Amino acid sequence: MGYQVGKIYRKYCWDIISIMMAIMSTAIVIYFGEWIKSVIPINLIVLLLLVHVVYIGIRCYVKDWQEERGYY
């Protein structure tokens, strides 16, 4: 399971945009951590993972869409 996730991540998201997304989302969670915890009672690490999973899903969808239409 973990190996397959790694292959998908390498295929679709192995670039500087993903690194910047991870850094920015981590910085936002660190800076607004107390406020986020007061609004949403969720573990912040789980929130980071959830944000990154949604990001990877969007990237996979867009890349597949581009490949189908011959843009990529």
PDB file of N, CA and C in Angstrom:
ATOM      1  N   MET A   1       0.832  -1.194   0.000  1.00  0.00           N
ATOM      2  CA  MET A   1       0.000   0.000   0.000  1.00  0.00           C
ATOM      3  C   MET A   1       0.879   1.261   0.000  1.00  0.00           C
ATOM      4  N   GLY A   2       1.821   1.335   0.908  1.00  0.00           N
ATOM      5  CA  GLY A   2       2.679   2.516   1.001  1.00  0.00           C
ATOM      6  C   GLY A   2       3.552   2.694  -0.227  1.00  0.00           C
ATOM      7  N   TYR A   3       3.998   1.578  -0.807  1.00  0.00           N
ATOM      8  CA  TYR A   3       4.832   1.631  -2.007  1.00  0.00           C
ATOM      9  C   TYR A   3       4.036   2.203  -3.179  1.00  0.00           C
ATOM     10  N   GLN A   4       2.768   1.808  -3.294  1.00  0.00           N
ATOM     11  CA  GLN A   4       1.922   2.315  -4.379  1.00  0.00           C
ATOM     12  C   GLN A   4       1.672   3.809  -4.222  1.00  0.00           C
ATOM     13  N   VAL A   5       1.474   4.248  -3.011  1.00  0.00           N
ATOM     14  CA  VAL A   5       1.287   5.676  -2.766  1.00  0.00           C
ATOM     15  C   VAL A   5       2.547   6.434  -3.153  1.00  0.00           C
ATOM     16  N   GLY A   6       3.698   5.876  -2.826  1.00  0.00           N
ATOM     17  CA  GLY A   6       4.964   6.498  -3.205  1.00  0.00           C
ATOM     18  C   GLY A   6       5.134   6.594  -4.707  1.00  0.00           C
ATOM     19  N   LYS A   7       4.730   5.555  -5.442  1.00  0.00           N
ATOM     20  CA  LYS A   7       4.815   5.580  -6.904  1.00  0.00           C
ATOM     21  C   LYS A   7       3.898   6.642  -7.485  1.00  0.00           C
ATOM     22  N   ILE A   8       2.688   6.744  -6.972  1.00  0.00           N
ATOM     23  CA  ILE A   8       1.745   7.761  -7.456  1.00  0.00           C
ATOM     24  C   ILE A   8       2.282   9.151  -7.154  1.00  0.00           C
ATOM     25  N   TYR A   9       2.817   9.337  -5.963  1.00  0.00           N
ATOM     26  CA  TYR A   9       3.365  10.647  -5.593  1.00  0.00           C
ATOM     27  C   TYR A   9       4.533  11.013  -6.503  1.00  0.00           C
ATOM     28  N   ARG A  10       5.413  10.052  -6.770  1.00  0.00           N
ATOM     29  CA  ARG A  10       6.556  10.298  -7.642  1.00  0.00           C
ATOM     30  C   ARG A  10       6.113  10.637  -9.056  1.00  0.00           C
ATOM     31  N   LYS A  11       5.062   9.976  -9.543  1.00  0.00           N
ATOM     32  CA  LYS A  11       4.598  10.192 -10.913  1.00  0.00           C
ATOM     33  C   LYS A  11       3.934  11.553 -11.077  1.00  0.00           C
ATOM     34  N   TYR A  12       3.098  11.940 -10.135  1.00  0.00           N
ATOM     35  CA  TYR A  12       2.282  13.142 -10.306  1.00  0.00           C
ATOM     36  C   TYR A  12       2.803  14.378  -9.574  1.00  0.00           C
ATOM     37  N   CYS A  13       3.487  14.205  -8.477  1.00  0.00           N
ATOM     38  CA  CYS A  13       3.741  15.347  -7.599  1.00  0.00           C
ATOM     39  C   CYS A  13       5.197  15.511  -7.186  1.00  0.00           C
ATOM     40  N   TRP A  14       6.139  15.015  -7.931  1.00  0.00           N
ATOM     41  CA  TRP A  14       7.541  15.089  -7.515  1.00  0.00           C
ATOM     42  C   TRP A  14       8.162  16.333  -8.135  1.00  0.00           C
ATOM     43  N   ASP A  15       7.830  17.514  -7.584  1.00  0.00           N
ATOM     44  CA  ASP A  15       8.349  18.760  -8.140  1.00  0.00           C
ATOM     45  C   ASP A  15       8.375  19.845  -7.064  1.00  0.00           C
ATOM     46  N   ILE A  16       8.833  21.007  -7.458  1.00  0.00           N
ATOM     47  CA  ILE A  16       8.990  22.120  -6.516  1.00  0.00           C
ATOM     48  C   ILE A  16       7.642  22.645  -6.022  1.00  0.00           C
ATOM     49  N   ILE A  17       6.601  22.517  -6.841  1.00  0.00           N
ATOM     50  CA  ILE A  17       5.272  22.989  -6.422  1.00  0.00           C
ATOM     51  C   ILE A  17       4.801  22.209  -5.200  1.00  0.00           C
ATOM     52  N   SER A  18       5.010  20.919  -5.192  1.00  0.00           N
ATOM     53  CA  SER A  18       4.600  20.098  -4.050  1.00  0.00           C
ATOM     54  C   SER A  18       5.395  20.428  -2.799  1.00  0.00           C
ATOM     55  N   ILE A  19       6.677  20.687  -2.978  1.00  0.00           N
ATOM     56  CA  ILE A  19       7.500  21.071  -1.831  1.00  0.00           C
ATOM     57  C   ILE A  19       7.009  22.390  -1.244  1.00  0.00           C
ATOM     58  N   MET A  20       6.734  23.352  -2.105  1.00  0.00           N
ATOM     59  CA  MET A  20       6.231  24.644  -1.629  1.00  0.00           C
ATOM     60  C   MET A  20       4.863  24.494  -0.960  1.00  0.00           C
ATOM     61  N   MET A  21       4.011  23.635  -1.509  1.00  0.00           N
ATOM     62  CA  MET A  21       2.693  23.389  -0.915  1.00  0.00           C
ATOM     63  C   MET A  21       2.847  22.801   0.492  1.00  0.00           C
ATOM     64  N   ALA A  22       3.753  21.851   0.644  1.00  0.00           N
ATOM     65  CA  ALA A  22       3.965  21.246   1.960  1.00  0.00           C
ATOM     66  C   ALA A  22       4.513  22.265   2.953  1.00  0.00           C
ATOM     67  N   ILE A  23       5.448  23.084   2.522  1.00  0.00           N
ATOM     68  CA  ILE A  23       6.028  24.092   3.406  1.00  0.00           C
ATOM     69  C   ILE A  23       4.990  25.141   3.797  1.00  0.00           C
ATOM     70  N   MET A  24       4.224  25.617   2.817  1.00  0.00           N
ATOM     71  CA  MET A  24       3.214  26.651   3.112  1.00  0.00           C
ATOM     72  C   MET A  24       2.115  26.115   4.013  1.00  0.00           C
ATOM     73  N   SER A  25       1.622  24.898   3.756  1.00  0.00           N
ATOM     74  CA  SER A  25       0.555  24.366   4.605  1.00  0.00           C
ATOM     75  C   SER A  25       1.065  24.115   6.024  1.00  0.00           C
ATOM     76  N   THR A  26       2.308  23.678   6.158  1.00  0.00           N
ATOM     77  CA  THR A  26       2.881  23.492   7.489  1.00  0.00           C
ATOM     78  C   THR A  26       3.020  24.829   8.213  1.00  0.00           C
ATOM     79  N   ALA A  27       3.487  25.840   7.507  1.00  0.00           N
ATOM     80  CA  ALA A  27       3.630  27.163   8.123  1.00  0.00           C
ATOM     81  C   ALA A  27       2.278  27.724   8.547  1.00  0.00           C
ATOM     82  N   ILE A  28       1.257  27.538   7.725  1.00  0.00           N
ATOM     83  CA  ILE A  28      -0.077  28.037   8.066  1.00  0.00           C
ATOM     84  C   ILE A  28      -0.618  27.328   9.298  1.00  0.00           C
ATOM     85  N   VAL A  29      -0.426  26.013   9.355  1.00  0.00           N
ATOM     86  CA  VAL A  29      -0.915  25.259  10.518  1.00  0.00           C
ATOM     87  C   VAL A  29      -0.153  25.652  11.776  1.00  0.00           C
ATOM     88  N   ILE A  30       1.129  25.904  11.658  1.00  0.00           N
ATOM     89  CA  ILE A  30       1.902  26.330  12.829  1.00  0.00           C
ATOM     90  C   ILE A  30       1.456  27.707  13.294  1.00  0.00           C
ATOM     91  N   TYR A  31       1.298  28.639  12.363  1.00  0.00           N
ATOM     92  CA  TYR A  31       0.956  30.011  12.725  1.00  0.00           C
ATOM     93  C   TYR A  31      -0.467  30.122  13.266  1.00  0.00           C
ATOM     94  N   PHE A  32      -1.409  29.449  12.605  1.00  0.00           N
ATOM     95  CA  PHE A  32      -2.811  29.540  13.008  1.00  0.00           C
ATOM     96  C   PHE A  32      -3.269  28.330  13.822  1.00  0.00           C
ATOM     97  N   GLY A  33      -2.346  27.575  14.401  1.00  0.00           N
ATOM     98  CA  GLY A  33      -2.673  26.341  15.093  1.00  0.00           C
ATOM     99  C   GLY A  33      -3.689  26.486  16.200  1.00  0.00           C
ATOM    100  N   GLU A  34      -3.510  27.455  17.058  1.00  0.00           N
ATOM    101  CA  GLU A  34      -4.447  27.643  18.181  1.00  0.00           C
ATOM    102  C   GLU A  34      -5.838  28.025  17.681  1.00  0.00           C
ATOM    103  N   TRP A  35      -5.888  28.885  16.686  1.00  0.00           N
ATOM    104  CA  TRP A  35      -7.184  29.300  16.139  1.00  0.00           C
ATOM    105  C   TRP A  35      -7.879  28.127  15.448  1.00  0.00           C
ATOM    106  N   ILE A  36      -7.130  27.333  14.699  1.00  0.00           N
ATOM    107  CA  ILE A  36      -7.704  26.167  14.019  1.00  0.00           C
ATOM    108  C   ILE A  36      -8.247  25.179  15.041  1.00  0.00           C
ATOM    109  N   LYS A  37      -7.499  24.933  16.107  1.00  0.00           N
ATOM    110  CA  LYS A  37      -7.951  24.001  17.142  1.00  0.00           C
ATOM    111  C   LYS A  37      -9.191  24.503  17.865  1.00  0.00           C
ATOM    112  N   SER A  38      -9.354  25.828  17.975  1.00  0.00           N
ATOM    113  CA  SER A  38     -10.553  26.350  18.631  1.00  0.00           C
ATOM    114  C   SER A  38     -11.779  26.238  17.730  1.00  0.00           C
ATOM    115  N   VAL A  39     -11.586  26.276  16.416  1.00  0.00           N
ATOM    116  CA  VAL A  39     -12.708  26.189  15.473  1.00  0.00           C
ATOM    117  C   VAL A  39     -13.020  24.744  15.115  1.00  0.00           C
ATOM    118  N   ILE A  40     -11.978  23.945  14.827  1.00  0.00           N
ATOM    119  CA  ILE A  40     -12.140  22.555  14.416  1.00  0.00           C
ATOM    120  C   ILE A  40     -11.382  21.678  15.407  1.00  0.00           C
ATOM    121  N   PRO A  41     -12.078  20.851  16.171  1.00  0.00           N
ATOM    122  CA  PRO A  41     -11.375  19.995  17.124  1.00  0.00           C
ATOM    123  C   PRO A  41     -10.743  18.785  16.429  1.00  0.00           C
ATOM    124  N   ILE A  42      -9.641  19.021  15.712  1.00  0.00           N
ATOM    125  CA  ILE A  42      -8.961  17.959  14.975  1.00  0.00           C
ATOM    126  C   ILE A  42      -7.466  18.062  15.240  1.00  0.00           C
ATOM    127  N   ASN A  43      -6.801  16.925  15.214  1.00  0.00           N
ATOM    128  CA  ASN A  43      -5.358  16.905  15.376  1.00  0.00           C
ATOM    129  C   ASN A  43      -4.736  17.636  14.183  1.00  0.00           C
ATOM    130  N   LEU A  44      -3.785  18.512  14.433  1.00  0.00           N
ATOM    131  CA  LEU A  44      -3.213  19.324  13.357  1.00  0.00           C
ATOM    132  C   LEU A  44      -2.397  18.499  12.375  1.00  0.00           C
ATOM    133  N   ILE A  45      -1.776  17.429  12.818  1.00  0.00           N
ATOM    134  CA  ILE A  45      -1.036  16.560  11.902  1.00  0.00           C
ATOM    135  C   ILE A  45      -2.006  15.853  10.958  1.00  0.00           C
ATOM    136  N   VAL A  46      -3.142  15.425  11.479  1.00  0.00           N
ATOM    137  CA  VAL A  46      -4.169  14.818  10.630  1.00  0.00           C
ATOM    138  C   VAL A  46      -4.666  15.844   9.618  1.00  0.00           C
ATOM    139  N   LEU A  47      -4.820  17.078  10.039  1.00  0.00           N
ATOM    140  CA  LEU A  47      -5.248  18.136   9.124  1.00  0.00           C
ATOM    141  C   LEU A  47      -4.224  18.349   8.019  1.00  0.00           C
ATOM    142  N   LEU A  48      -2.936  18.357   8.361  1.00  0.00           N
ATOM    143  CA  LEU A  48      -1.880  18.485   7.352  1.00  0.00           C
ATOM    144  C   LEU A  48      -1.926  17.334   6.355  1.00  0.00           C
ATOM    145  N   LEU A  49      -2.064  16.121   6.850  1.00  0.00           N
ATOM    146  CA  LEU A  49      -2.145  14.969   5.962  1.00  0.00           C
ATOM    147  C   LEU A  49      -3.367  15.042   5.062  1.00  0.00           C
ATOM    148  N   LEU A  50      -4.489  15.457   5.611  1.00  0.00           N
ATOM    149  CA  LEU A  50      -5.711  15.588   4.826  1.00  0.00           C
ATOM    150  C   LEU A  50      -5.556  16.631   3.722  1.00  0.00           C
ATOM    151  N   VAL A  51      -4.954  17.757   4.037  1.00  0.00           N
ATOM    152  CA  VAL A  51      -4.727  18.805   3.035  1.00  0.00           C
ATOM    153  C   VAL A  51      -3.818  18.285   1.929  1.00  0.00           C
ATOM    154  N   HIS A  52      -2.779  17.567   2.288  1.00  0.00           N
ATOM    155  CA  HIS A  52      -1.849  17.064   1.277  1.00  0.00           C
ATOM    156  C   HIS A  52      -2.490  15.973   0.425  1.00  0.00           C
ATOM    157  N   VAL A  53      -3.340  15.134   1.008  1.00  0.00           N
ATOM    158  CA  VAL A  53      -4.039  14.102   0.238  1.00  0.00           C
ATOM    159  C   VAL A  53      -4.982  14.747  -0.773  1.00  0.00           C
ATOM    160  N   VAL A  54      -5.698  15.774  -0.357  1.00  0.00           N
ATOM    161  CA  VAL A  54      -6.585  16.485  -1.285  1.00  0.00           C
ATOM    162  C   VAL A  54      -5.766  17.133  -2.396  1.00  0.00           C
ATOM    163  N   TYR A  55      -4.643  17.722  -2.057  1.00  0.00           N
ATOM    164  CA  TYR A  55      -3.764  18.338  -3.047  1.00  0.00           C
ATOM    165  C   TYR A  55      -3.275  17.306  -4.067  1.00  0.00           C
ATOM    166  N   ILE A  56      -2.848  16.144  -3.595  1.00  0.00           N
ATOM    167  CA  ILE A  56      -2.373  15.093  -4.495  1.00  0.00           C
ATOM    168  C   ILE A  56      -3.513  14.615  -5.395  1.00  0.00           C
ATOM    169  N   GLY A  57      -4.699  14.487  -4.846  1.00  0.00           N
ATOM    170  CA  GLY A  57      -5.854  14.082  -5.648  1.00  0.00           C
ATOM    171  C   GLY A  57      -6.139  15.065  -6.767  1.00  0.00           C
ATOM    172  N   ILE A  58      -6.075  16.348  -6.467  1.00  0.00           N
ATOM    173  CA  ILE A  58      -6.302  17.370  -7.491  1.00  0.00           C
ATOM    174  C   ILE A  58      -5.218  17.308  -8.547  1.00  0.00           C
ATOM    175  N   ARG A  59      -3.970  17.166  -8.128  1.00  0.00           N
ATOM    176  CA  ARG A  59      -2.872  17.085  -9.100  1.00  0.00           C
ATOM    177  C   ARG A  59      -3.012  15.864 -10.008  1.00  0.00           C
ATOM    178  N   CYS A  60      -3.386  14.718  -9.444  1.00  0.00           N
ATOM    179  CA  CYS A  60      -3.574  13.506 -10.256  1.00  0.00           C
ATOM    180  C   CYS A  60      -4.689  13.708 -11.266  1.00  0.00           C
ATOM    181  N   TYR A  61      -5.791  14.291 -10.842  1.00  0.00           N
ATOM    182  CA  TYR A  61      -6.914  14.528 -11.737  1.00  0.00           C
ATOM    183  C   TYR A  61      -6.519  15.457 -12.881  1.00  0.00           C
ATOM    184  N   VAL A  62      -5.839  16.541 -12.575  1.00  0.00           N
ATOM    185  CA  VAL A  62      -5.445  17.505 -13.597  1.00  0.00           C
ATOM    186  C   VAL A  62      -4.443  16.884 -14.572  1.00  0.00           C
ATOM    187  N   LYS A  63      -3.483  16.139 -14.053  1.00  0.00           N
ATOM    188  CA  LYS A  63      -2.483  15.534 -14.938  1.00  0.00           C
ATOM    189  C   LYS A  63      -3.125  14.497 -15.853  1.00  0.00           C
ATOM    190  N   ASP A  64      -4.041  13.672 -15.327  1.00  0.00           N
ATOM    191  CA  ASP A  64      -4.749  12.713 -16.167  1.00  0.00           C
ATOM    192  C   ASP A  64      -5.580  13.431 -17.230  1.00  0.00           C
ATOM    193  N   TRP A  65      -6.238  14.511 -16.848  1.00  0.00           N
ATOM    194  CA  TRP A  65      -7.040  15.290 -17.782  1.00  0.00           C
ATOM    195  C   TRP A  65      -6.165  15.845 -18.901  1.00  0.00           C
ATOM    196  N   GLN A  66      -4.991  16.344 -18.556  1.00  0.00           N
ATOM    197  CA  GLN A  66      -4.077  16.882 -19.557  1.00  0.00           C
ATOM    198  C   GLN A  66      -3.546  15.783 -20.473  1.00  0.00           C
ATOM    199  N   GLU A  67      -3.222  14.618 -19.920  1.00  0.00           N
ATOM    200  CA  GLU A  67      -2.716  13.520 -20.733  1.00  0.00           C
ATOM    201  C   GLU A  67      -3.773  13.001 -21.708  1.00  0.00           C
ATOM    202  N   GLU A  68      -5.025  12.960 -21.274  1.00  0.00           N
ATOM    203  CA  GLU A  68      -6.108  12.507 -22.157  1.00  0.00           C
ATOM    204  C   GLU A  68      -6.292  13.434 -23.348  1.00  0.00           C
ATOM    205  N   ARG A  69      -6.084  14.699 -23.150  1.00  0.00           N
ATOM    206  CA  ARG A  69      -6.312  15.674 -24.205  1.00  0.00           C
ATOM    207  C   ARG A  69      -5.033  16.023 -24.978  1.00  0.00           C
ATOM    208  N   GLY A  70      -3.929  15.404 -24.628  1.00  0.00           N
ATOM    209  CA  GLY A  70      -2.684  15.593 -25.360  1.00  0.00           C
ATOM    210  C   GLY A  70      -1.917  16.845 -25.010  1.00  0.00           C
ATOM    211  N   TYR A  71      -2.219  17.460 -23.891  1.00  0.00           N
ATOM    212  CA  TYR A  71      -1.502  18.667 -23.479  1.00  0.00           C
ATOM    213  C   TYR A  71      -0.168  18.364 -22.833  1.00  0.00           C
ATOM    214  N   TYR A  72      -0.032  17.149 -22.322  1.00  0.00           N
ATOM    215  CA  TYR A  72       1.158  16.832 -21.537  1.00  0.00           C
ATOM    216  C   TYR A  72       1.855  15.642 -22.083  1.00  0.00           C
TER     217      TYR A  72
END
